[in-house]
């Protein structure tokens, strides 16, 4: 009985710890929600209240009426969808080949890809600008797509390769004995088994493109070419002239599409993130 009570006590303490941690993590989001529903732009004043004294939805109306958020949403959606398809289109075959085939230079290539991915984006910004500028790709969606896919294709390769490594080769051998061709083997056997990691990788690509603003704010000029992240930055570029309630409302609105997608795909997240351990 003592062991049982001890186990229950430990489990209760662990649950309380994680519930408290979730509440702490949610505080900035609840804070932004509170500011977005406040009629007064009093964030920087001493009389700011966490619970809005003057409740209003006008800040959300201002986001859609006074700011070109729908244009930013369209730009981000185009970049996200194209980057997603190109990254997965290149990453899935590459991950499968690096997982199943053994060829000279394989490990060296994988190590070089990890090394390239390890460098911060800021270090490559000047070089990328000088490469894209002569080709007229600055201030264009194609330029950002090249930058994003170059980054996320490597991520997709490594993230999915680890999962492909966990799929038993015996399953593929059995399918080939039954007369399955190489293309059918990948499409009907391997890809369905790898669905969790493909979904998780796609989610990570979407989050990256949706939230990325360093390249977007430097490579895109003009509010009509901004992405959502760059647009949000422009709303509060100057603290004294900007409206914190409108900025907070825009931040909440921008987060909703990703949250909806995340909860819709949540059942795949655990398997996709835990099973695909990286292997050499």
C-alpha atoms as a PDB file:
ATOM      1  CA  UNK A   1       0.000   0.000   0.000  1.00  0.00           C
ATOM      2  CA  UNK A   2       2.845   2.377   0.831  1.00  0.00           C
ATOM      3  CA  UNK A   3       4.383   1.854  -2.624  1.00  0.00           C
ATOM      4  CA  UNK A   4       1.013   2.542  -4.226  1.00  0.00           C
ATOM      5  CA  UNK A   5       0.512   5.785  -2.288  1.00  0.00           C
ATOM      6  CA  UNK A   6       4.075   6.818  -3.042  1.00  0.00           C
ATOM      7  CA  UNK A   7       3.504   6.177  -6.747  1.00  0.00           C
ATOM      8  CA  UNK A   8       0.268   8.191  -6.693  1.00  0.00           C
ATOM      9  CA  UNK A   9       2.009  11.030  -4.837  1.00  0.00           C
ATOM     10  CA  UNK A  10       4.872  11.138  -7.331  1.00  0.00           C
ATOM     11  CA  UNK A  11       2.452  11.022 -10.288  1.00  0.00           C
ATOM     12  CA  UNK A  12       0.369  13.843  -8.775  1.00  0.00           C
ATOM     13  CA  UNK A  13       3.476  15.965  -8.207  1.00  0.00           C
ATOM     14  CA  UNK A  14       4.654  15.398 -11.787  1.00  0.00           C
ATOM     15  CA  UNK A  15       1.222  16.307 -13.171  1.00  0.00           C
ATOM     16  CA  UNK A  16       1.058  19.459 -11.043  1.00  0.00           C
ATOM     17  CA  UNK A  17       4.534  20.432 -12.226  1.00  0.00           C
ATOM     18  CA  UNK A  18       3.626  20.111 -15.910  1.00  0.00           C
ATOM     19  CA  UNK A  19       0.265  21.856 -15.423  1.00  0.00           C
ATOM     20  CA  UNK A  20       2.080  24.749 -13.719  1.00  0.00           C
ATOM     21  CA  UNK A  21       4.639  24.799 -16.526  1.00  0.00           C
ATOM     22  CA  UNK A  22       1.856  24.978 -19.145  1.00  0.00           C
ATOM     23  CA  UNK A  23       0.217  27.862 -17.280  1.00  0.00           C
ATOM     24  CA  UNK A  24       3.529  29.746 -17.132  1.00  0.00           C
ATOM     25  CA  UNK A  25       4.078  29.182 -20.865  1.00  0.00           C
ATOM     26  CA  UNK A  26       0.555  30.426 -21.621  1.00  0.00           C
ATOM     27  CA  UNK A  27       1.021  33.690 -19.684  1.00  0.00           C
ATOM     28  CA  UNK A  28       2.533  35.632 -22.662  1.00  0.00           C
ATOM     29  CA  UNK A  29      -0.305  34.423 -24.919  1.00  0.00           C
ATOM     30  CA  UNK A  30      -2.966  35.386 -22.362  1.00  0.00           C
ATOM     31  CA  UNK A  31      -1.184  38.700 -21.891  1.00  0.00           C
ATOM     32  CA  UNK A  32      -1.308  39.394 -25.645  1.00  0.00           C
ATOM     33  CA  UNK A  33      -4.987  38.410 -25.698  1.00  0.00           C
ATOM     34  CA  UNK A  34      -5.680  40.802 -22.835  1.00  0.00           C
ATOM     35  CA  UNK A  35      -3.904  43.672 -24.598  1.00  0.00           C
ATOM     36  CA  UNK A  36      -5.760  42.947 -27.855  1.00  0.00           C
ATOM     37  CA  UNK A  37      -9.107  43.292 -26.079  1.00  0.00           C
ATOM     38  CA  UNK A  38      -8.156  46.553 -24.356  1.00  0.00           C
ATOM     39  CA  UNK A  39      -9.535  49.788 -25.792  1.00  0.00           C
ATOM     40  CA  UNK A  40      -6.689  51.857 -24.343  1.00  0.00           C
ATOM     41  CA  UNK A  41      -3.110  51.808 -25.625  1.00  0.00           C
ATOM     42  CA  UNK A  42      -1.785  51.655 -22.058  1.00  0.00           C
ATOM     43  CA  UNK A  43       0.759  48.839 -22.245  1.00  0.00           C
ATOM     44  CA  UNK A  44       3.677  51.144 -21.446  1.00  0.00           C
ATOM     45  CA  UNK A  45       1.814  53.116 -18.781  1.00  0.00           C
ATOM     46  CA  UNK A  46       1.798  52.438 -15.036  1.00  0.00           C
ATOM     47  CA  UNK A  47      -1.978  51.898 -14.837  1.00  0.00           C
ATOM     48  CA  UNK A  48      -2.074  48.944 -17.220  1.00  0.00           C
ATOM     49  CA  UNK A  49      -4.387  46.165 -16.039  1.00  0.00           C
ATOM     50  CA  UNK A  50      -4.154  42.517 -17.058  1.00  0.00           C
ATOM     51  CA  UNK A  51      -7.974  42.407 -17.181  1.00  0.00           C
ATOM     52  CA  UNK A  52      -9.143  45.049 -19.719  1.00  0.00           C
ATOM     53  CA  UNK A  53     -11.022  47.906 -18.067  1.00  0.00           C
ATOM     54  CA  UNK A  54     -12.581  48.890 -21.400  1.00  0.00           C
ATOM     55  CA  UNK A  55     -13.343  45.680 -23.300  1.00  0.00           C
ATOM     56  CA  UNK A  56     -13.543  45.958 -27.110  1.00  0.00           C
ATOM     57  CA  UNK A  57     -13.212  43.981 -30.352  1.00  0.00           C
ATOM     58  CA  UNK A  58     -12.372  47.093 -32.379  1.00  0.00           C
ATOM     59  CA  UNK A  59      -8.666  46.209 -32.424  1.00  0.00           C
ATOM     60  CA  UNK A  60      -9.460  43.036 -34.372  1.00  0.00           C
ATOM     61  CA  UNK A  61     -11.621  45.034 -36.750  1.00  0.00           C
ATOM     62  CA  UNK A  62      -8.737  47.498 -37.226  1.00  0.00           C
ATOM     63  CA  UNK A  63      -6.410  44.615 -38.140  1.00  0.00           C
ATOM     64  CA  UNK A  64      -8.571  43.686 -41.139  1.00  0.00           C
ATOM     65  CA  UNK A  65      -9.792  47.169 -42.086  1.00  0.00           C
ATOM     66  CA  UNK A  66      -6.792  49.433 -41.481  1.00  0.00           C
ATOM     67  CA  UNK A  67      -3.900  47.027 -42.123  1.00  0.00           C
ATOM     68  CA  UNK A  68      -3.202  44.935 -45.275  1.00  0.00           C
ATOM     69  CA  UNK A  69      -3.151  41.702 -43.275  1.00  0.00           C
ATOM     70  CA  UNK A  70      -5.003  39.766 -45.972  1.00  0.00           C
ATOM     71  CA  UNK A  71      -2.256  40.663 -48.457  1.00  0.00           C
ATOM     72  CA  UNK A  72       0.357  39.491 -45.966  1.00  0.00           C
ATOM     73  CA  UNK A  73      -1.642  36.317 -45.382  1.00  0.00           C
ATOM     74  CA  UNK A  74      -1.722  35.623 -49.117  1.00  0.00           C
ATOM     75  CA  UNK A  75       2.032  36.193 -49.431  1.00  0.00           C
ATOM     76  CA  UNK A  76       2.810  33.893 -46.488  1.00  0.00           C
ATOM     77  CA  UNK A  77       0.423  31.217 -47.768  1.00  0.00           C
ATOM     78  CA  UNK A  78       2.026  31.198 -51.225  1.00  0.00           C
ATOM     79  CA  UNK A  79       5.531  30.992 -49.764  1.00  0.00           C
ATOM     80  CA  UNK A  80       4.527  28.298 -47.267  1.00  0.00           C
ATOM     81  CA  UNK A  81       2.751  26.044 -49.781  1.00  0.00           C
ATOM     82  CA  UNK A  82       5.463  26.230 -52.458  1.00  0.00           C
ATOM     83  CA  UNK A  83       8.281  25.805 -49.911  1.00  0.00           C
ATOM     84  CA  UNK A  84       6.445  22.840 -48.401  1.00  0.00           C
ATOM     85  CA  UNK A  85       6.008  20.996 -51.699  1.00  0.00           C
ATOM     86  CA  UNK A  86       9.539  21.695 -52.934  1.00  0.00           C
ATOM     87  CA  UNK A  87      11.161  20.799 -49.610  1.00  0.00           C
ATOM     88  CA  UNK A  88       9.229  17.547 -49.249  1.00  0.00           C
ATOM     89  CA  UNK A  89       9.607  16.780 -52.947  1.00  0.00           C
ATOM     90  CA  UNK A  90      13.372  16.965 -52.593  1.00  0.00           C
ATOM     91  CA  UNK A  91      13.667  15.771 -48.997  1.00  0.00           C
ATOM     92  CA  UNK A  92      11.616  12.558 -49.134  1.00  0.00           C
ATOM     93  CA  UNK A  93      13.519  10.873 -52.029  1.00  0.00           C
ATOM     94  CA  UNK A  94      16.862  12.073 -50.659  1.00  0.00           C
ATOM     95  CA  UNK A  95      16.057  10.811 -47.159  1.00  0.00           C
ATOM     96  CA  UNK A  96      15.018   7.403 -48.499  1.00  0.00           C
ATOM     97  CA  UNK A  97      18.157   7.071 -50.658  1.00  0.00           C
ATOM     98  CA  UNK A  98      20.495   8.078 -47.817  1.00  0.00           C
ATOM     99  CA  UNK A  99      18.678   5.649 -45.517  1.00  0.00           C
ATOM    100  CA  UNK A 100      18.647   2.614 -47.811  1.00  0.00           C
ATOM    101  CA  UNK A 101      21.631   3.007 -50.143  1.00  0.00           C
ATOM    102  CA  UNK A 102      25.318   2.789 -49.293  1.00  0.00           C
ATOM    103  CA  UNK A 103      27.609   4.667 -51.678  1.00  0.00           C
ATOM    104  CA  UNK A 104      31.022   6.382 -51.502  1.00  0.00           C
ATOM    105  CA  UNK A 105      30.911   9.768 -49.785  1.00  0.00           C
ATOM    106  CA  UNK A 106      27.516   9.142 -48.157  1.00  0.00           C
ATOM    107  CA  UNK A 107      28.566   9.970 -44.603  1.00  0.00           C
ATOM    108  CA  UNK A 108      30.667  12.917 -45.744  1.00  0.00           C
ATOM    109  CA  UNK A 109      27.714  14.438 -47.601  1.00  0.00           C
ATOM    110  CA  UNK A 110      25.445  14.005 -44.582  1.00  0.00           C
ATOM    111  CA  UNK A 111      28.023  15.611 -42.298  1.00  0.00           C
ATOM    112  CA  UNK A 112      28.489  18.544 -44.681  1.00  0.00           C
ATOM    113  CA  UNK A 113      24.717  19.072 -44.807  1.00  0.00           C
ATOM    114  CA  UNK A 114      24.552  19.135 -41.013  1.00  0.00           C
ATOM    115  CA  UNK A 115      27.474  21.570 -40.924  1.00  0.00           C
ATOM    116  CA  UNK A 116      25.772  23.904 -43.404  1.00  0.00           C
ATOM    117  CA  UNK A 117      22.483  23.714 -41.482  1.00  0.00           C
ATOM    118  CA  UNK A 118      24.251  24.479 -38.194  1.00  0.00           C
ATOM    119  CA  UNK A 119      25.318  27.997 -39.242  1.00  0.00           C
ATOM    120  CA  UNK A 120      22.960  30.813 -38.151  1.00  0.00           C
ATOM    121  CA  UNK A 121      20.903  32.402 -40.921  1.00  0.00           C
ATOM    122  CA  UNK A 122      22.334  35.842 -40.194  1.00  0.00           C
ATOM    123  CA  UNK A 123      25.804  34.718 -41.268  1.00  0.00           C
ATOM    124  CA  UNK A 124      24.570  33.859 -44.753  1.00  0.00           C
ATOM    125  CA  UNK A 125      22.346  36.886 -45.287  1.00  0.00           C
ATOM    126  CA  UNK A 126      24.939  39.118 -46.989  1.00  0.00           C
ATOM    127  CA  UNK A 127      26.149  36.281 -49.222  1.00  0.00           C
ATOM    128  CA  UNK A 128      22.583  35.374 -50.219  1.00  0.00           C
ATOM    129  CA  UNK A 129      21.767  39.014 -50.917  1.00  0.00           C
ATOM    130  CA  UNK A 130      24.767  39.336 -53.238  1.00  0.00           C
ATOM    131  CA  UNK A 131      23.833  36.090 -55.005  1.00  0.00           C
ATOM    132  CA  UNK A 132      20.158  36.961 -55.491  1.00  0.00           C
ATOM    133  CA  UNK A 133      20.530  40.662 -56.282  1.00  0.00           C
ATOM    134  CA  UNK A 134      22.235  40.302 -59.726  1.00  0.00           C
ATOM    135  CA  UNK A 135      19.507  37.862 -60.765  1.00  0.00           C
ATOM    136  CA  UNK A 136      16.761  40.318 -59.822  1.00  0.00           C
ATOM    137  CA  UNK A 137      15.381  38.029 -57.096  1.00  0.00           C
ATOM    138  CA  UNK A 138      15.380  40.607 -54.308  1.00  0.00           C
ATOM    139  CA  UNK A 139      11.875  41.788 -53.417  1.00  0.00           C
ATOM    140  CA  UNK A 140      10.368  38.733 -55.135  1.00  0.00           C
ATOM    141  CA  UNK A 141       8.639  35.644 -53.767  1.00  0.00           C
ATOM    142  CA  UNK A 142      10.915  33.413 -55.859  1.00  0.00           C
ATOM    143  CA  UNK A 143      13.974  34.748 -54.036  1.00  0.00           C
ATOM    144  CA  UNK A 144      12.493  33.918 -50.629  1.00  0.00           C
ATOM    145  CA  UNK A 145      11.344  30.507 -51.855  1.00  0.00           C
ATOM    146  CA  UNK A 146      14.907  29.671 -52.917  1.00  0.00           C
ATOM    147  CA  UNK A 147      16.219  30.713 -49.491  1.00  0.00           C
ATOM    148  CA  UNK A 148      13.508  28.843 -47.581  1.00  0.00           C
ATOM    149  CA  UNK A 149      13.672  25.629 -49.607  1.00  0.00           C
ATOM    150  CA  UNK A 150      17.457  25.581 -49.409  1.00  0.00           C
ATOM    151  CA  UNK A 151      17.138  25.584 -45.628  1.00  0.00           C
ATOM    152  CA  UNK A 152      14.131  23.315 -45.131  1.00  0.00           C
ATOM    153  CA  UNK A 153      15.054  20.671 -47.726  1.00  0.00           C
ATOM    154  CA  UNK A 154      18.131  19.814 -45.620  1.00  0.00           C
ATOM    155  CA  UNK A 155      16.003  19.748 -42.481  1.00  0.00           C
ATOM    156  CA  UNK A 156      13.443  17.494 -44.190  1.00  0.00           C
ATOM    157  CA  UNK A 157      16.180  15.125 -45.335  1.00  0.00           C
ATOM    158  CA  UNK A 158      17.657  14.649 -41.873  1.00  0.00           C
ATOM    159  CA  UNK A 159      14.329  14.559 -40.039  1.00  0.00           C
ATOM    160  CA  UNK A 160      12.841  11.877 -42.316  1.00  0.00           C
ATOM    161  CA  UNK A 161      16.019   9.855 -42.795  1.00  0.00           C
ATOM    162  CA  UNK A 162      15.983   8.913 -39.122  1.00  0.00           C
ATOM    163  CA  UNK A 163      12.435   7.623 -39.471  1.00  0.00           C
ATOM    164  CA  UNK A 164      13.201   5.662 -42.649  1.00  0.00           C
ATOM    165  CA  UNK A 165      16.053   4.006 -40.740  1.00  0.00           C
ATOM    166  CA  UNK A 166      13.518   2.578 -38.283  1.00  0.00           C
ATOM    167  CA  UNK A 167      11.390   0.908 -40.979  1.00  0.00           C
ATOM    168  CA  UNK A 168      12.453  -2.777 -41.194  1.00  0.00           C
ATOM    169  CA  UNK A 169      13.946  -3.747 -44.521  1.00  0.00           C
ATOM    170  CA  UNK A 170      12.110  -7.080 -44.264  1.00  0.00           C
ATOM    171  CA  UNK A 171       8.840  -5.307 -45.059  1.00  0.00           C
ATOM    172  CA  UNK A 172      10.255  -3.997 -48.329  1.00  0.00           C
ATOM    173  CA  UNK A 173      11.842  -7.350 -49.172  1.00  0.00           C
ATOM    174  CA  UNK A 174       8.521  -9.122 -48.632  1.00  0.00           C
ATOM    175  CA  UNK A 175       6.759  -6.612 -50.897  1.00  0.00           C
ATOM    176  CA  UNK A 176       9.376  -7.092 -53.615  1.00  0.00           C
ATOM    177  CA  UNK A 177       8.971 -10.883 -53.428  1.00  0.00           C
ATOM    178  CA  UNK A 178       5.258 -10.346 -54.091  1.00  0.00           C
ATOM    179  CA  UNK A 179       6.191  -8.562 -57.322  1.00  0.00           C
ATOM    180  CA  UNK A 180       6.014  -4.938 -56.204  1.00  0.00           C
ATOM    181  CA  UNK A 181       8.055  -2.592 -58.379  1.00  0.00           C
ATOM    182  CA  UNK A 182      10.439  -0.028 -56.902  1.00  0.00           C
ATOM    183  CA  UNK A 183       8.011   2.840 -57.499  1.00  0.00           C
ATOM    184  CA  UNK A 184       5.079   0.924 -56.017  1.00  0.00           C
ATOM    185  CA  UNK A 185       7.256  -0.089 -53.074  1.00  0.00           C
ATOM    186  CA  UNK A 186       7.926   3.531 -52.180  1.00  0.00           C
ATOM    187  CA  UNK A 187       4.410   4.828 -52.877  1.00  0.00           C
ATOM    188  CA  UNK A 188       2.363   1.981 -51.375  1.00  0.00           C
ATOM    189  CA  UNK A 189       4.609   0.641 -48.612  1.00  0.00           C
ATOM    190  CA  UNK A 190       7.267   3.108 -47.468  1.00  0.00           C
ATOM    191  CA  UNK A 191       5.371   6.395 -47.644  1.00  0.00           C
ATOM    192  CA  UNK A 192       2.267   5.134 -45.759  1.00  0.00           C
ATOM    193  CA  UNK A 193       4.554   3.807 -43.012  1.00  0.00           C
ATOM    194  CA  UNK A 194       6.407   7.131 -42.914  1.00  0.00           C
ATOM    195  CA  UNK A 195       3.224   9.220 -42.771  1.00  0.00           C
ATOM    196  CA  UNK A 196       3.815  10.468 -39.176  1.00  0.00           C
ATOM    197  CA  UNK A 197       7.271  11.871 -39.921  1.00  0.00           C
ATOM    198  CA  UNK A 198       6.111  13.377 -43.215  1.00  0.00           C
ATOM    199  CA  UNK A 199       3.280  15.167 -41.410  1.00  0.00           C
ATOM    200  CA  UNK A 200       5.603  16.406 -38.654  1.00  0.00           C
ATOM    201  CA  UNK A 201       8.193  17.590 -41.174  1.00  0.00           C
ATOM    202  CA  UNK A 202       5.505  19.404 -43.152  1.00  0.00           C
ATOM    203  CA  UNK A 203       4.319  21.054 -39.939  1.00  0.00           C
ATOM    204  CA  UNK A 204       7.845  22.194 -39.105  1.00  0.00           C
ATOM    205  CA  UNK A 205       8.296  23.661 -42.590  1.00  0.00           C
ATOM    206  CA  UNK A 206       5.013  25.551 -42.309  1.00  0.00           C
ATOM    207  CA  UNK A 207       5.922  26.943 -38.887  1.00  0.00           C
ATOM    208  CA  UNK A 208       9.340  28.043 -40.142  1.00  0.00           C
ATOM    209  CA  UNK A 209       7.970  29.898 -43.180  1.00  0.00           C
ATOM    210  CA  UNK A 210       5.037  31.344 -41.218  1.00  0.00           C
ATOM    211  CA  UNK A 211       7.266  32.781 -38.477  1.00  0.00           C
ATOM    212  CA  UNK A 212      10.416  33.686 -40.444  1.00  0.00           C
ATOM    213  CA  UNK A 213      10.944  37.438 -40.644  1.00  0.00           C
ATOM    214  CA  UNK A 214      14.709  38.073 -40.822  1.00  0.00           C
ATOM    215  CA  UNK A 215      14.967  37.356 -44.549  1.00  0.00           C
ATOM    216  CA  UNK A 216      11.432  38.588 -45.212  1.00  0.00           C
ATOM    217  CA  UNK A 217      12.028  41.991 -43.653  1.00  0.00           C
ATOM    218  CA  UNK A 218      15.399  42.456 -45.399  1.00  0.00           C
ATOM    219  CA  UNK A 219      14.657  40.940 -48.810  1.00  0.00           C
ATOM    220  CA  UNK A 220      11.128  42.324 -49.282  1.00  0.00           C
ATOM    221  CA  UNK A 221      10.453  46.059 -49.593  1.00  0.00           C
ATOM    222  CA  UNK A 222       6.990  47.542 -49.328  1.00  0.00           C
ATOM    223  CA  UNK A 223       3.954  46.496 -47.297  1.00  0.00           C
ATOM    224  CA  UNK A 224       2.342  44.775 -50.301  1.00  0.00           C
ATOM    225  CA  UNK A 225       5.201  42.245 -50.454  1.00  0.00           C
ATOM    226  CA  UNK A 226       5.527  41.596 -46.702  1.00  0.00           C
ATOM    227  CA  UNK A 227       4.829  38.236 -45.147  1.00  0.00           C
ATOM    228  CA  UNK A 228       2.783  38.013 -41.947  1.00  0.00           C
ATOM    229  CA  UNK A 229       5.869  38.035 -39.717  1.00  0.00           C
ATOM    230  CA  UNK A 230       7.389  41.001 -41.546  1.00  0.00           C
ATOM    231  CA  UNK A 231       4.030  42.773 -41.485  1.00  0.00           C
ATOM    232  CA  UNK A 232       3.752  42.304 -37.732  1.00  0.00           C
ATOM    233  CA  UNK A 233       7.233  43.727 -37.292  1.00  0.00           C
ATOM    234  CA  UNK A 234       6.279  46.778 -39.355  1.00  0.00           C
ATOM    235  CA  UNK A 235       3.217  47.399 -37.157  1.00  0.00           C
ATOM    236  CA  UNK A 236       5.395  47.939 -34.127  1.00  0.00           C
ATOM    237  CA  UNK A 237       8.669  49.098 -35.692  1.00  0.00           C
ATOM    238  CA  UNK A 238       8.498  52.240 -33.555  1.00  0.00           C
ATOM    239  CA  UNK A 239       7.217  51.767 -30.009  1.00  0.00           C
ATOM    240  CA  UNK A 240       5.993  55.338 -29.563  1.00  0.00           C
ATOM    241  CA  UNK A 241       3.827  55.589 -32.691  1.00  0.00           C
ATOM    242  CA  UNK A 242       2.514  52.029 -32.865  1.00  0.00           C
ATOM    243  CA  UNK A 243      -0.630  50.663 -31.267  1.00  0.00           C
ATOM    244  CA  UNK A 244       0.045  47.761 -28.933  1.00  0.00           C
ATOM    245  CA  UNK A 245      -3.606  46.577 -28.864  1.00  0.00           C
ATOM    246  CA  UNK A 246      -3.736  46.398 -32.684  1.00  0.00           C
ATOM    247  CA  UNK A 247      -0.339  44.707 -32.768  1.00  0.00           C
ATOM    248  CA  UNK A 248      -1.474  42.132 -30.181  1.00  0.00           C
ATOM    249  CA  UNK A 249      -4.716  41.502 -32.064  1.00  0.00           C
ATOM    250  CA  UNK A 250      -2.745  40.953 -35.277  1.00  0.00           C
ATOM    251  CA  UNK A 251      -0.394  38.548 -33.469  1.00  0.00           C
ATOM    252  CA  UNK A 252      -3.359  36.501 -32.204  1.00  0.00           C
ATOM    253  CA  UNK A 253      -4.962  36.425 -35.670  1.00  0.00           C
ATOM    254  CA  UNK A 254      -1.682  35.339 -37.304  1.00  0.00           C
ATOM    255  CA  UNK A 255      -1.296  32.466 -34.809  1.00  0.00           C
ATOM    256  CA  UNK A 256      -4.746  30.967 -35.388  1.00  0.00           C
ATOM    257  CA  UNK A 257      -4.103  29.182 -38.759  1.00  0.00           C
ATOM    258  CA  UNK A 258      -0.993  27.405 -37.441  1.00  0.00           C
ATOM    259  CA  UNK A 259      -2.808  26.428 -34.228  1.00  0.00           C
ATOM    260  CA  UNK A 260      -5.695  24.961 -36.209  1.00  0.00           C
ATOM    261  CA  UNK A 261      -3.312  22.935 -38.394  1.00  0.00           C
ATOM    262  CA  UNK A 262      -1.329  21.809 -35.347  1.00  0.00           C
ATOM    263  CA  UNK A 263      -4.373  20.509 -33.453  1.00  0.00           C
ATOM    264  CA  UNK A 264      -5.694  18.838 -36.611  1.00  0.00           C
ATOM    265  CA  UNK A 265      -2.402  16.934 -37.015  1.00  0.00           C
ATOM    266  CA  UNK A 266      -1.670  16.443 -33.320  1.00  0.00           C
ATOM    267  CA  UNK A 267      -2.233  12.661 -33.412  1.00  0.00           C
ATOM    268  CA  UNK A 268       0.786  12.283 -35.722  1.00  0.00           C
ATOM    269  CA  UNK A 269       3.109  14.513 -33.703  1.00  0.00           C
ATOM    270  CA  UNK A 270       4.209  12.084 -30.979  1.00  0.00           C
ATOM    271  CA  UNK A 271       5.080   9.225 -33.329  1.00  0.00           C
ATOM    272  CA  UNK A 272       6.718  11.489 -35.858  1.00  0.00           C
ATOM    273  CA  UNK A 273       8.906  13.301 -33.323  1.00  0.00           C
ATOM    274  CA  UNK A 274       9.942  10.358 -31.145  1.00  0.00           C
ATOM    275  CA  UNK A 275      10.364   7.464 -33.571  1.00  0.00           C
ATOM    276  CA  UNK A 276      12.610   9.199 -36.074  1.00  0.00           C
ATOM    277  CA  UNK A 277      15.804   9.325 -34.083  1.00  0.00           C
ATOM    278  CA  UNK A 278      18.704  10.531 -36.232  1.00  0.00           C
ATOM    279  CA  UNK A 279      21.072   7.788 -37.323  1.00  0.00           C
ATOM    280  CA  UNK A 280      24.275   7.995 -39.305  1.00  0.00           C
END
